[in-house]
Amino acid sequence: MTVFQKPLRTYKDHMIEREYTIVNKLGLHARASALFVKTANRFSSEIKMEREGIEVNGKSIMGIMMLAAGKGCTINIKTAGADEAEAMEALGELVANGFGED
Protein backbone atom coordinates (compact mmCIF):
# COMPACT_ATOMS: atom_id res chain seq x y z
CA MET A 1 0.00 0.00 0.00
CA THR A 2 1.36 3.41 -0.93
CA VAL A 3 1.18 6.47 1.29
CA PHE A 4 -1.72 7.81 -0.77
CA GLN A 5 -3.98 4.77 -0.52
CA LYS A 6 -6.53 4.57 2.24
CA PRO A 7 -7.46 1.11 3.49
CA LEU A 8 -10.95 0.02 2.54
CA ARG A 9 -13.46 0.12 5.37
CA THR A 10 -14.73 -3.24 6.50
CA TYR A 11 -18.46 -3.76 6.78
CA LYS A 12 -18.37 -5.89 9.91
CA ASP A 13 -20.37 -3.49 12.05
CA HIS A 14 -23.25 -2.64 9.76
CA MET A 15 -24.13 -2.51 6.10
CA ILE A 16 -26.91 -3.18 3.66
CA GLU A 17 -26.23 -5.63 0.85
CA ARG A 18 -28.62 -6.53 -1.98
CA GLU A 19 -28.37 -8.56 -5.15
CA TYR A 20 -29.60 -7.22 -8.49
CA THR A 21 -29.70 -8.47 -12.06
CA ILE A 22 -28.67 -6.12 -14.85
CA VAL A 23 -31.74 -5.83 -17.10
CA ASN A 24 -30.86 -3.14 -19.62
CA LYS A 25 -29.79 -4.27 -23.09
CA LEU A 26 -26.26 -2.83 -23.01
CA GLY A 27 -25.45 -3.62 -19.36
CA LEU A 28 -23.12 -1.38 -17.37
CA HIS A 29 -21.78 0.58 -20.33
CA ALA A 30 -20.36 4.12 -19.99
CA ARG A 31 -23.66 6.01 -19.72
CA ALA A 32 -25.23 3.56 -17.26
CA SER A 33 -22.04 3.51 -15.17
CA ALA A 34 -21.89 7.32 -15.15
CA LEU A 35 -25.52 7.49 -14.02
CA PHE A 36 -24.83 5.00 -11.22
CA VAL A 37 -21.81 7.02 -10.05
CA LYS A 38 -23.73 10.30 -10.24
CA THR A 39 -26.49 8.80 -8.10
CA ALA A 40 -24.03 7.20 -5.66
CA ASN A 41 -22.22 10.50 -5.15
CA ARG A 42 -25.41 12.11 -3.84
CA PHE A 43 -24.93 10.09 -0.65
CA SER A 44 -22.30 10.24 2.09
CA SER A 45 -22.39 6.47 2.64
CA GLU A 46 -19.67 4.21 1.36
CA ILE A 47 -20.94 2.32 -1.68
CA LYS A 48 -19.46 -0.83 -3.18
CA MET A 49 -20.45 -2.93 -6.17
CA GLU A 50 -19.40 -6.56 -6.53
CA ARG A 51 -19.54 -9.06 -9.38
CA GLU A 52 -18.12 -12.58 -9.25
CA GLY A 53 -15.98 -11.82 -6.21
CA ILE A 54 -14.53 -8.55 -7.54
CA GLU A 55 -15.54 -5.57 -5.42
CA VAL A 56 -15.11 -1.98 -6.58
CA ASN A 57 -15.88 1.50 -5.31
CA GLY A 58 -19.44 2.35 -6.36
CA LYS A 59 -18.45 5.99 -6.74
CA SER A 60 -15.77 5.22 -9.36
CA ILE A 61 -16.82 4.99 -13.00
CA MET A 62 -13.61 3.15 -13.90
CA GLY A 63 -14.19 0.58 -11.18
CA ILE A 64 -17.77 -0.06 -12.23
CA MET A 65 -16.91 -0.36 -15.91
CA MET A 66 -14.08 -2.76 -15.00
CA LEU A 67 -16.73 -5.23 -13.80
CA ALA A 68 -17.98 -5.58 -17.40
CA ALA A 69 -21.47 -6.50 -16.21
CA GLY A 70 -23.66 -7.22 -19.22
CA LYS A 71 -27.37 -7.90 -19.42
CA GLY A 72 -28.33 -10.80 -17.17
CA CYS A 73 -25.29 -10.47 -14.89
CA THR A 74 -25.84 -10.48 -11.16
CA ILE A 75 -24.25 -7.74 -9.06
CA ASN A 76 -24.24 -7.03 -5.34
CA ILE A 77 -24.53 -3.49 -4.08
CA LYS A 78 -23.33 -2.70 -0.56
CA THR A 79 -23.98 0.53 1.31
CA ALA A 80 -22.68 1.57 4.72
CA GLY A 81 -23.10 4.91 6.43
CA ALA A 82 -25.53 7.51 7.69
CA ASP A 83 -27.77 7.42 4.60
CA GLU A 84 -27.21 3.80 3.59
CA ALA A 85 -30.92 2.92 3.32
CA GLU A 86 -31.69 5.89 1.08
CA ALA A 87 -28.62 5.15 -1.05
CA MET A 88 -29.62 1.51 -1.49
CA GLU A 89 -33.17 2.47 -2.41
CA ALA A 90 -32.05 4.96 -5.06
CA LEU A 91 -29.35 2.72 -6.55
CA GLY A 92 -31.51 -0.39 -6.48
CA GLU A 93 -34.32 1.43 -8.25
CA LEU A 94 -31.88 2.69 -10.87
CA VAL A 95 -30.57 -0.82 -11.63
CA ALA A 96 -34.03 -2.44 -11.50
CA ASN A 97 -35.37 0.15 -13.96
CA GLY A 98 -32.58 -0.54 -16.45
CA PHE A 99 -30.94 2.86 -15.91
CA GLY A 100 -33.89 4.48 -17.66
CA GLU A 101 -33.13 2.75 -20.95
CA ASP A 102 -35.62 0.96 -23.16
PDB file of N, CA and C in Angstrom:
ATOM      1  N   MET A   1       0.853  -1.171   0.000  1.00  0.00           N
ATOM      2  CA  MET A   1       0.000   0.000   0.000  1.00  0.00           C
ATOM      3  C   MET A   1       0.900   1.235   0.000  1.00  0.00           C
ATOM      4  N   THR A   2       0.597   2.167  -0.889  1.00  0.00           N
ATOM      5  CA  THR A   2       1.364   3.407  -0.931  1.00  0.00           C
ATOM      6  C   THR A   2       0.831   4.380   0.111  1.00  0.00           C
ATOM      7  N   VAL A   3       1.566   5.449   0.318  1.00  0.00           N
ATOM      8  CA  VAL A   3       1.178   6.469   1.290  1.00  0.00           C
ATOM      9  C   VAL A   3      -0.176   7.079   0.947  1.00  0.00           C
ATOM     10  N   PHE A   4      -0.509   7.128  -0.336  1.00  0.00           N
ATOM     11  CA  PHE A   4      -1.719   7.810  -0.774  1.00  0.00           C
ATOM     12  C   PHE A   4      -2.975   6.939  -0.730  1.00  0.00           C
ATOM     13  N   GLN A   5      -2.822   5.656  -0.546  1.00  0.00           N
ATOM     14  CA  GLN A   5      -3.978   4.772  -0.524  1.00  0.00           C
ATOM     15  C   GLN A   5      -4.542   4.672   0.885  1.00  0.00           C
ATOM     16  N   LYS A   6      -5.849   4.762   0.966  1.00  0.00           N
ATOM     17  CA  LYS A   6      -6.527   4.568   2.238  1.00  0.00           C
ATOM     18  C   LYS A   6      -7.041   3.135   2.283  1.00  0.00           C
ATOM     19  N   PRO A   7      -6.910   2.464   3.409  1.00  0.00           N
ATOM     20  CA  PRO A   7      -7.458   1.111   3.494  1.00  0.00           C
ATOM     21  C   PRO A   7      -8.972   1.139   3.335  1.00  0.00           C
ATOM     22  N   LEU A   8      -9.501   0.111   2.706  1.00  0.00           N
ATOM     23  CA  LEU A   8     -10.948   0.017   2.545  1.00  0.00           C
ATOM     24  C   LEU A   8     -11.587  -0.270   3.895  1.00  0.00           C
ATOM     25  N   ARG A   9     -12.710   0.338   4.132  1.00  0.00           N
ATOM     26  CA  ARG A   9     -13.457   0.117   5.368  1.00  0.00           C
ATOM     27  C   ARG A   9     -14.063  -1.280   5.322  1.00  0.00           C
ATOM     28  N   THR A  10     -14.055  -1.950   6.438  1.00  0.00           N
ATOM     29  CA  THR A  10     -14.728  -3.239   6.502  1.00  0.00           C
ATOM     30  C   THR A  10     -16.170  -3.008   6.932  1.00  0.00           C
ATOM     31  N   TYR A  11     -17.027  -3.906   6.516  1.00  0.00           N
ATOM     32  CA  TYR A  11     -18.455  -3.762   6.778  1.00  0.00           C
ATOM     33  C   TYR A  11     -18.914  -4.648   7.931  1.00  0.00           C
ATOM     34  N   LYS A  12     -18.029  -4.959   8.837  1.00  0.00           N
ATOM     35  CA  LYS A  12     -18.373  -5.894   9.907  1.00  0.00           C
ATOM     36  C   LYS A  12     -19.453  -5.351  10.831  1.00  0.00           C
ATOM     37  N   ASP A  13     -19.424  -4.053  11.094  1.00  0.00           N
ATOM     38  CA  ASP A  13     -20.371  -3.486  12.046  1.00  0.00           C
ATOM     39  C   ASP A  13     -21.780  -3.416  11.485  1.00  0.00           C
ATOM     40  N   HIS A  14     -21.921  -2.810  10.312  1.00  0.00           N
ATOM     41  CA  HIS A  14     -23.254  -2.643   9.757  1.00  0.00           C
ATOM     42  C   HIS A  14     -23.162  -2.299   8.286  1.00  0.00           C
ATOM     43  N   MET A  15     -24.034  -2.842   7.516  1.00  0.00           N
ATOM     44  CA  MET A  15     -24.129  -2.511   6.099  1.00  0.00           C
ATOM     45  C   MET A  15     -25.422  -3.084   5.558  1.00  0.00           C
ATOM     46  N   ILE A  16     -25.791  -2.607   4.391  1.00  0.00           N
ATOM     47  CA  ILE A  16     -26.911  -3.182   3.660  1.00  0.00           C
ATOM     48  C   ILE A  16     -26.320  -3.777   2.394  1.00  0.00           C
ATOM     49  N   GLU A  17     -26.712  -4.982   2.063  1.00  0.00           N
ATOM     50  CA  GLU A  17     -26.233  -5.632   0.845  1.00  0.00           C
ATOM     51  C   GLU A  17     -27.424  -6.244   0.126  1.00  0.00           C
ATOM     52  N   ARG A  18     -27.527  -5.965  -1.176  1.00  0.00           N
ATOM     53  CA  ARG A  18     -28.620  -6.525  -1.976  1.00  0.00           C
ATOM     54  C   ARG A  18     -28.085  -6.994  -3.315  1.00  0.00           C
ATOM     55  N   GLU A  19     -28.742  -7.990  -3.853  1.00  0.00           N
ATOM     56  CA  GLU A  19     -28.367  -8.558  -5.149  1.00  0.00           C
ATOM     57  C   GLU A  19     -29.338  -8.069  -6.217  1.00  0.00           C
ATOM     58  N   TYR A  20     -28.796  -7.693  -7.366  1.00  0.00           N
ATOM     59  CA  TYR A  20     -29.601  -7.219  -8.493  1.00  0.00           C
ATOM     60  C   TYR A  20     -29.126  -7.880  -9.772  1.00  0.00           C
ATOM     61  N   THR A  21     -30.036  -7.982 -10.727  1.00  0.00           N
ATOM     62  CA  THR A  21     -29.701  -8.470 -12.061  1.00  0.00           C
ATOM     63  C   THR A  21     -29.750  -7.297 -13.022  1.00  0.00           C
ATOM     64  N   ILE A  22     -28.723  -7.182 -13.843  1.00  0.00           N
ATOM     65  CA  ILE A  22     -28.672  -6.120 -14.849  1.00  0.00           C
ATOM     66  C   ILE A  22     -29.700  -6.456 -15.927  1.00  0.00           C
ATOM     67  N   VAL A  23     -30.644  -5.542 -16.163  1.00  0.00           N
ATOM     68  CA  VAL A  23     -31.740  -5.828 -17.097  1.00  0.00           C
ATOM     69  C   VAL A  23     -31.679  -5.015 -18.386  1.00  0.00           C
ATOM     70  N   ASN A  24     -30.894  -3.943 -18.395  1.00  0.00           N
ATOM     71  CA  ASN A  24     -30.864  -3.143 -19.622  1.00  0.00           C
ATOM     72  C   ASN A  24     -30.019  -3.822 -20.695  1.00  0.00           C
ATOM     73  N   LYS A  25     -30.366  -3.583 -21.934  1.00  0.00           N
ATOM     74  CA  LYS A  25     -29.790  -4.268 -23.094  1.00  0.00           C
ATOM     75  C   LYS A  25     -28.261  -4.192 -23.158  1.00  0.00           C
ATOM     76  N   LEU A  26     -27.698  -3.026 -22.856  1.00  0.00           N
ATOM     77  CA  LEU A  26     -26.258  -2.829 -23.006  1.00  0.00           C
ATOM     78  C   LEU A  26     -25.464  -3.031 -21.713  1.00  0.00           C
ATOM     79  N   GLY A  27     -26.143  -3.384 -20.629  1.00  0.00           N
ATOM     80  CA  GLY A  27     -25.447  -3.621 -19.364  1.00  0.00           C
ATOM     81  C   GLY A  27     -24.842  -2.355 -18.786  1.00  0.00           C
ATOM     82  N   LEU A  28     -23.777  -2.527 -18.012  1.00  0.00           N
ATOM     83  CA  LEU A  28     -23.124  -1.383 -17.368  1.00  0.00           C
ATOM     84  C   LEU A  28     -22.118  -0.741 -18.319  1.00  0.00           C
ATOM     85  N   HIS A  29     -22.620  -0.148 -19.377  1.00  0.00           N
ATOM     86  CA  HIS A  29     -21.776   0.578 -20.328  1.00  0.00           C
ATOM     87  C   HIS A  29     -21.480   1.962 -19.749  1.00  0.00           C
ATOM     88  N   ALA A  30     -20.833   2.827 -20.515  1.00  0.00           N
ATOM     89  CA  ALA A  30     -20.365   4.119 -19.991  1.00  0.00           C
ATOM     90  C   ALA A  30     -21.488   4.995 -19.445  1.00  0.00           C
ATOM     91  N   ARG A  31     -22.589   5.132 -20.176  1.00  0.00           N
ATOM     92  CA  ARG A  31     -23.663   6.013 -19.720  1.00  0.00           C
ATOM     93  C   ARG A  31     -24.323   5.469 -18.461  1.00  0.00           C
ATOM     94  N   ALA A  32     -24.599   4.173 -18.442  1.00  0.00           N
ATOM     95  CA  ALA A  32     -25.225   3.562 -17.262  1.00  0.00           C
ATOM     96  C   ALA A  32     -24.293   3.653 -16.048  1.00  0.00           C
ATOM     97  N   SER A  33     -23.014   3.411 -16.263  1.00  0.00           N
ATOM     98  CA  SER A  33     -22.038   3.510 -15.172  1.00  0.00           C
ATOM     99  C   SER A  33     -21.958   4.935 -14.644  1.00  0.00           C
ATOM    100  N   ALA A  34     -21.951   5.905 -15.553  1.00  0.00           N
ATOM    101  CA  ALA A  34     -21.894   7.316 -15.147  1.00  0.00           C
ATOM    102  C   ALA A  34     -23.131   7.702 -14.341  1.00  0.00           C
ATOM    103  N   LEU A  35     -24.287   7.202 -14.739  1.00  0.00           N
ATOM    104  CA  LEU A  35     -25.524   7.489 -14.019  1.00  0.00           C
ATOM    105  C   LEU A  35     -25.492   6.865 -12.620  1.00  0.00           C
ATOM    106  N   PHE A  36     -24.957   5.649 -12.523  1.00  0.00           N
ATOM    107  CA  PHE A  36     -24.828   4.996 -11.222  1.00  0.00           C
ATOM    108  C   PHE A  36     -23.925   5.826 -10.311  1.00  0.00           C
ATOM    109  N   VAL A  37     -22.767   6.235 -10.834  1.00  0.00           N
ATOM    110  CA  VAL A  37     -21.807   7.016 -10.050  1.00  0.00           C
ATOM    111  C   VAL A  37     -22.399   8.363  -9.637  1.00  0.00           C
ATOM    112  N   LYS A  38     -23.094   9.014 -10.552  1.00  0.00           N
ATOM    113  CA  LYS A  38     -23.726  10.302 -10.241  1.00  0.00           C
ATOM    114  C   LYS A  38     -24.731  10.137  -9.098  1.00  0.00           C
ATOM    115  N   THR A  39     -25.516   9.070  -9.158  1.00  0.00           N
ATOM    116  CA  THR A  39     -26.492   8.797  -8.104  1.00  0.00           C
ATOM    117  C   THR A  39     -25.783   8.456  -6.797  1.00  0.00           C
ATOM    118  N   ALA A  40     -24.767   7.606  -6.860  1.00  0.00           N
ATOM    119  CA  ALA A  40     -24.028   7.200  -5.662  1.00  0.00           C
ATOM    120  C   ALA A  40     -23.393   8.395  -4.961  1.00  0.00           C
ATOM    121  N   ASN A  41     -22.903   9.338  -5.733  1.00  0.00           N
ATOM    122  CA  ASN A  41     -22.221  10.496  -5.150  1.00  0.00           C
ATOM    123  C   ASN A  41     -23.157  11.490  -4.473  1.00  0.00           C
ATOM    124  N   ARG A  42     -24.451  11.277  -4.579  1.00  0.00           N
ATOM    125  CA  ARG A  42     -25.413  12.107  -3.844  1.00  0.00           C
ATOM    126  C   ARG A  42     -25.442  11.746  -2.360  1.00  0.00           C
ATOM    127  N   PHE A  43     -24.846  10.617  -2.011  1.00  0.00           N
ATOM    128  CA  PHE A  43     -24.927  10.093  -0.649  1.00  0.00           C
ATOM    129  C   PHE A  43     -23.556  10.092   0.020  1.00  0.00           C
ATOM    130  N   SER A  44     -23.559  10.259   1.335  1.00  0.00           N
ATOM    131  CA  SER A  44     -22.303  10.239   2.088  1.00  0.00           C
ATOM    132  C   SER A  44     -21.838   8.821   2.398  1.00  0.00           C
ATOM    133  N   SER A  45     -22.729   7.857   2.321  1.00  0.00           N
ATOM    134  CA  SER A  45     -22.388   6.473   2.641  1.00  0.00           C
ATOM    135  C   SER A  45     -21.340   5.918   1.691  1.00  0.00           C
ATOM    136  N   GLU A  46     -20.601   4.948   2.197  1.00  0.00           N
ATOM    137  CA  GLU A  46     -19.666   4.209   1.362  1.00  0.00           C
ATOM    138  C   GLU A  46     -20.488   3.244   0.517  1.00  0.00           C
ATOM    139  N   ILE A  47     -20.178   3.160  -0.763  1.00  0.00           N
ATOM    140  CA  ILE A  47     -20.942   2.316  -1.679  1.00  0.00           C
ATOM    141  C   ILE A  47     -19.978   1.430  -2.448  1.00  0.00           C
ATOM    142  N   LYS A  48     -20.267   0.153  -2.465  1.00  0.00           N
ATOM    143  CA  LYS A  48     -19.456  -0.828  -3.184  1.00  0.00           C
ATOM    144  C   LYS A  48     -20.353  -1.597  -4.146  1.00  0.00           C
ATOM    145  N   MET A  49     -19.759  -2.055  -5.234  1.00  0.00           N
ATOM    146  CA  MET A  49     -20.453  -2.932  -6.171  1.00  0.00           C
ATOM    147  C   MET A  49     -19.553  -4.148  -6.366  1.00  0.00           C
ATOM    148  N   GLU A  50     -20.169  -5.328  -6.411  1.00  0.00           N
ATOM    149  CA  GLU A  50     -19.399  -6.563  -6.527  1.00  0.00           C
ATOM    150  C   GLU A  50     -19.996  -7.449  -7.602  1.00  0.00           C
ATOM    151  N   ARG A  51     -19.132  -8.068  -8.382  1.00  0.00           N
ATOM    152  CA  ARG A  51     -19.543  -9.060  -9.376  1.00  0.00           C
ATOM    153  C   ARG A  51     -18.509 -10.171  -9.391  1.00  0.00           C
ATOM    154  N   GLU A  52     -18.968 -11.387  -9.212  1.00  0.00           N
ATOM    155  CA  GLU A  52     -18.116 -12.578  -9.250  1.00  0.00           C
ATOM    156  C   GLU A  52     -16.874 -12.436  -8.376  1.00  0.00           C
ATOM    157  N   GLY A  53     -17.071 -11.917  -7.170  1.00  0.00           N
ATOM    158  CA  GLY A  53     -15.979 -11.821  -6.214  1.00  0.00           C
ATOM    159  C   GLY A  53     -15.088 -10.598  -6.353  1.00  0.00           C
ATOM    160  N   ILE A  54     -15.317  -9.779  -7.362  1.00  0.00           N
ATOM    161  CA  ILE A  54     -14.534  -8.553  -7.541  1.00  0.00           C
ATOM    162  C   ILE A  54     -15.361  -7.385  -7.025  1.00  0.00           C
ATOM    163  N   GLU A  55     -14.833  -6.695  -6.028  1.00  0.00           N
ATOM    164  CA  GLU A  55     -15.541  -5.571  -5.417  1.00  0.00           C
ATOM    165  C   GLU A  55     -14.848  -4.263  -5.779  1.00  0.00           C
ATOM    166  N   VAL A  56     -15.654  -3.278  -6.189  1.00  0.00           N
ATOM    167  CA  VAL A  56     -15.112  -1.976  -6.577  1.00  0.00           C
ATOM    168  C   VAL A  56     -15.864  -0.858  -5.860  1.00  0.00           C
ATOM    169  N   ASN A  57     -15.262   0.312  -5.875  1.00  0.00           N
ATOM    170  CA  ASN A  57     -15.876   1.505  -5.313  1.00  0.00           C
ATOM    171  C   ASN A  57     -17.058   1.903  -6.190  1.00  0.00           C
ATOM    172  N   GLY A  58     -18.236   1.997  -5.612  1.00  0.00           N
ATOM    173  CA  GLY A  58     -19.437   2.353  -6.362  1.00  0.00           C
ATOM    174  C   GLY A  58     -19.498   3.809  -6.771  1.00  0.00           C
ATOM    175  N   LYS A  59     -18.506   4.585  -6.362  1.00  0.00           N
ATOM    176  CA  LYS A  59     -18.448   5.995  -6.745  1.00  0.00           C
ATOM    177  C   LYS A  59     -17.350   6.235  -7.778  1.00  0.00           C
ATOM    178  N   SER A  60     -16.839   5.150  -8.361  1.00  0.00           N
ATOM    179  CA  SER A  60     -15.773   5.221  -9.360  1.00  0.00           C
ATOM    180  C   SER A  60     -16.255   4.637 -10.682  1.00  0.00           C
ATOM    181  N   ILE A  61     -16.355   5.473 -11.702  1.00  0.00           N
ATOM    182  CA  ILE A  61     -16.824   4.985 -13.000  1.00  0.00           C
ATOM    183  C   ILE A  61     -15.874   3.935 -13.571  1.00  0.00           C
ATOM    184  N   MET A  62     -14.579   4.124 -13.385  1.00  0.00           N
ATOM    185  CA  MET A  62     -13.610   3.150 -13.903  1.00  0.00           C
ATOM    186  C   MET A  62     -13.778   1.795 -13.209  1.00  0.00           C
ATOM    187  N   GLY A  63     -13.989   1.821 -11.906  1.00  0.00           N
ATOM    188  CA  GLY A  63     -14.193   0.579 -11.178  1.00  0.00           C
ATOM    189  C   GLY A  63     -15.425  -0.158 -11.654  1.00  0.00           C
ATOM    190  N   ILE A  64     -16.513   0.562 -11.807  1.00  0.00           N
ATOM    191  CA  ILE A  64     -17.766  -0.062 -12.229  1.00  0.00           C
ATOM    192  C   ILE A  64     -17.649  -0.625 -13.640  1.00  0.00           C
ATOM    193  N   MET A  65     -17.054   0.127 -14.542  1.00  0.00           N
ATOM    194  CA  MET A  65     -16.906  -0.361 -15.912  1.00  0.00           C
ATOM    195  C   MET A  65     -15.970  -1.567 -15.975  1.00  0.00           C
ATOM    196  N   MET A  66     -15.009  -1.636 -15.052  1.00  0.00           N
ATOM    197  CA  MET A  66     -14.084  -2.764 -15.001  1.00  0.00           C
ATOM    198  C   MET A  66     -14.820  -4.084 -14.743  1.00  0.00           C
ATOM    199  N   LEU A  67     -15.967  -4.016 -14.090  1.00  0.00           N
ATOM    200  CA  LEU A  67     -16.728  -5.235 -13.801  1.00  0.00           C
ATOM    201  C   LEU A  67     -17.321  -5.862 -15.055  1.00  0.00           C
ATOM    202  N   ALA A  68     -17.457  -5.078 -16.123  1.00  0.00           N
ATOM    203  CA  ALA A  68     -17.980  -5.575 -17.403  1.00  0.00           C
ATOM    204  C   ALA A  68     -19.263  -6.383 -17.212  1.00  0.00           C
ATOM    205  N   ALA A  69     -20.214  -5.817 -16.502  1.00  0.00           N
ATOM    206  CA  ALA A  69     -21.475  -6.500 -16.209  1.00  0.00           C
ATOM    207  C   ALA A  69     -22.468  -6.267 -17.341  1.00  0.00           C
ATOM    208  N   GLY A  70     -22.711  -7.297 -18.121  1.00  0.00           N
ATOM    209  CA  GLY A  70     -23.660  -7.220 -19.221  1.00  0.00           C
ATOM    210  C   GLY A  70     -25.060  -7.600 -18.773  1.00  0.00           C
ATOM    211  N   LYS A  71     -25.982  -7.533 -19.712  1.00  0.00           N
ATOM    212  CA  LYS A  71     -27.369  -7.900 -19.423  1.00  0.00           C
ATOM    213  C   LYS A  71     -27.424  -9.323 -18.876  1.00  0.00           C
ATOM    214  N   GLY A  72     -28.174  -9.489 -17.799  1.00  0.00           N
ATOM    215  CA  GLY A  72     -28.326 -10.796 -17.173  1.00  0.00           C
ATOM    216  C   GLY A  72     -27.321 -11.087 -16.072  1.00  0.00           C
ATOM    217  N   CYS A  73     -26.281 -10.276 -15.952  1.00  0.00           N
ATOM    218  CA  CYS A  73     -25.289 -10.466 -14.889  1.00  0.00           C
ATOM    219  C   CYS A  73     -25.888 -10.099 -13.538  1.00  0.00           C
ATOM    220  N   THR A  74     -25.424 -10.770 -12.524  1.00  0.00           N
ATOM    221  CA  THR A  74     -25.835 -10.477 -11.157  1.00  0.00           C
ATOM    222  C   THR A  74     -24.752  -9.644 -10.488  1.00  0.00           C
ATOM    223  N   ILE A  75     -25.170  -8.575  -9.829  1.00  0.00           N
ATOM    224  CA  ILE A  75     -24.248  -7.738  -9.063  1.00  0.00           C
ATOM    225  C   ILE A  75     -24.768  -7.612  -7.644  1.00  0.00           C
ATOM    226  N   ASN A  76     -23.865  -7.346  -6.718  1.00  0.00           N
ATOM    227  CA  ASN A  76     -24.237  -7.034  -5.341  1.00  0.00           C
ATOM    228  C   ASN A  76     -23.877  -5.586  -5.091  1.00  0.00           C
ATOM    229  N   ILE A  77     -24.789  -4.859  -4.490  1.00  0.00           N
ATOM    230  CA  ILE A  77     -24.532  -3.486  -4.083  1.00  0.00           C
ATOM    231  C   ILE A  77     -24.502  -3.472  -2.565  1.00  0.00           C
ATOM    232  N   LYS A  78     -23.493  -2.805  -2.013  1.00  0.00           N
ATOM    233  CA  LYS A  78     -23.333  -2.698  -0.564  1.00  0.00           C
ATOM    234  C   LYS A  78     -23.268  -1.228  -0.194  1.00  0.00           C
ATOM    235  N   THR A  79     -24.016  -0.847   0.817  1.00  0.00           N
ATOM    236  CA  THR A  79     -23.981   0.530   1.310  1.00  0.00           C
ATOM    237  C   THR A  79     -23.747   0.511   2.815  1.00  0.00           C
ATOM    238  N   ALA A  80     -22.954   1.452   3.282  1.00  0.00           N
ATOM    239  CA  ALA A  80     -22.682   1.568   4.717  1.00  0.00           C
ATOM    240  C   ALA A  80     -22.479   3.033   5.057  1.00  0.00           C
ATOM    241  N   GLY A  81     -23.250   3.528   6.012  1.00  0.00           N
ATOM    242  CA  GLY A  81     -23.100   4.914   6.432  1.00  0.00           C
ATOM    243  C   GLY A  81     -24.414   5.511   6.887  1.00  0.00           C
ATOM    244  N   ALA A  82     -24.381   6.797   7.127  1.00  0.00           N
ATOM    245  CA  ALA A  82     -25.531   7.515   7.691  1.00  0.00           C
ATOM    246  C   ALA A  82     -26.780   7.433   6.827  1.00  0.00           C
ATOM    247  N   ASP A  83     -26.609   7.454   5.505  1.00  0.00           N
ATOM    248  CA  ASP A  83     -27.771   7.423   4.604  1.00  0.00           C
ATOM    249  C   ASP A  83     -27.794   6.159   3.743  1.00  0.00           C
ATOM    250  N   GLU A  84     -27.326   5.061   4.329  1.00  0.00           N
ATOM    251  CA  GLU A  84     -27.211   3.802   3.589  1.00  0.00           C
ATOM    252  C   GLU A  84     -28.539   3.292   3.032  1.00  0.00           C
ATOM    253  N   ALA A  85     -29.617   3.412   3.787  1.00  0.00           N
ATOM    254  CA  ALA A  85     -30.918   2.920   3.315  1.00  0.00           C
ATOM    255  C   ALA A  85     -31.408   3.723   2.117  1.00  0.00           C
ATOM    256  N   GLU A  86     -31.265   5.034   2.189  1.00  0.00           N
ATOM    257  CA  GLU A  86     -31.687   5.892   1.076  1.00  0.00           C
ATOM    258  C   GLU A  86     -30.827   5.635  -0.157  1.00  0.00           C
ATOM    259  N   ALA A  87     -29.530   5.441   0.060  1.00  0.00           N
ATOM    260  CA  ALA A  87     -28.621   5.152  -1.051  1.00  0.00           C
ATOM    261  C   ALA A  87     -29.003   3.841  -1.724  1.00  0.00           C
ATOM    262  N   MET A  88     -29.257   2.808  -0.920  1.00  0.00           N
ATOM    263  CA  MET A  88     -29.617   1.506  -1.487  1.00  0.00           C
ATOM    264  C   MET A  88     -30.921   1.596  -2.260  1.00  0.00           C
ATOM    265  N   GLU A  89     -31.884   2.323  -1.727  1.00  0.00           N
ATOM    266  CA  GLU A  89     -33.170   2.467  -2.411  1.00  0.00           C
ATOM    267  C   GLU A  89     -32.988   3.137  -3.774  1.00  0.00           C
ATOM    268  N   ALA A  90     -32.245   4.225  -3.806  1.00  0.00           N
ATOM    269  CA  ALA A  90     -32.047   4.961  -5.063  1.00  0.00           C
ATOM    270  C   ALA A  90     -31.255   4.143  -6.078  1.00  0.00           C
ATOM    271  N   LEU A  91     -30.191   3.495  -5.633  1.00  0.00           N
ATOM    272  CA  LEU A  91     -29.350   2.722  -6.549  1.00  0.00           C
ATOM    273  C   LEU A  91     -30.054   1.454  -7.018  1.00  0.00           C
ATOM    274  N   GLY A  92     -30.769   0.807  -6.107  1.00  0.00           N
ATOM    275  CA  GLY A  92     -31.514  -0.390  -6.479  1.00  0.00           C
ATOM    276  C   GLY A  92     -32.593  -0.095  -7.495  1.00  0.00           C
ATOM    277  N   GLU A  93     -33.282   1.015  -7.304  1.00  0.00           N
ATOM    278  CA  GLU A  93     -34.323   1.428  -8.245  1.00  0.00           C
ATOM    279  C   GLU A  93     -33.716   1.730  -9.618  1.00  0.00           C
ATOM    280  N   LEU A  94     -32.567   2.365  -9.626  1.00  0.00           N
ATOM    281  CA  LEU A  94     -31.879   2.689 -10.872  1.00  0.00           C
ATOM    282  C   LEU A  94     -31.532   1.422 -11.656  1.00  0.00           C
ATOM    283  N   VAL A  95     -30.951   0.444 -10.973  1.00  0.00           N
ATOM    284  CA  VAL A  95     -30.574  -0.816 -11.625  1.00  0.00           C
ATOM    285  C   VAL A  95     -31.817  -1.579 -12.070  1.00  0.00           C
ATOM    286  N   ALA A  96     -32.803  -1.692 -11.189  1.00  0.00           N
ATOM    287  CA  ALA A  96     -34.027  -2.440 -11.504  1.00  0.00           C
ATOM    288  C   ALA A  96     -34.787  -1.842 -12.679  1.00  0.00           C
ATOM    289  N   ASN A  97     -34.689  -0.526 -12.848  1.00  0.00           N
ATOM    290  CA  ASN A  97     -35.371   0.147 -13.961  1.00  0.00           C
ATOM    291  C   ASN A  97     -34.504   0.251 -15.210  1.00  0.00           C
ATOM    292  N   GLY A  98     -33.417  -0.496 -15.250  1.00  0.00           N
ATOM    293  CA  GLY A  98     -32.583  -0.538 -16.445  1.00  0.00           C
ATOM    294  C   GLY A  98     -31.910   0.778 -16.767  1.00  0.00           C
ATOM    295  N   PHE A  99     -31.623   1.573 -15.743  1.00  0.00           N
ATOM    296  CA  PHE A  99     -30.940   2.861 -15.911  1.00  0.00           C
ATOM    297  C   PHE A  99     -31.719   3.806 -16.815  1.00  0.00           C
ATOM    298  N   GLY A 100     -33.036   3.616 -16.861  1.00  0.00           N
ATOM    299  CA  GLY A 100     -33.894   4.484 -17.659  1.00  0.00           C
ATOM    300  C   GLY A 100     -33.833   4.224 -19.153  1.00  0.00           C
ATOM    301  N   GLU A 101     -33.230   3.097 -19.535  1.00  0.00           N
ATOM    302  CA  GLU A 101     -33.126   2.754 -20.954  1.00  0.00           C
ATOM    303  C   GLU A 101     -34.277   1.850 -21.364  1.00  0.00           C
ATOM    304  N   ASP A 102     -34.565   1.839 -22.637  1.00  0.00           N
ATOM    305  CA  ASP A 102     -35.622   0.957 -23.156  1.00  0.00           C
ATOM    306  C   ASP A 102     -35.080  -0.408 -23.502  1.00  0.00           C
TER     307      ASP A 102
END
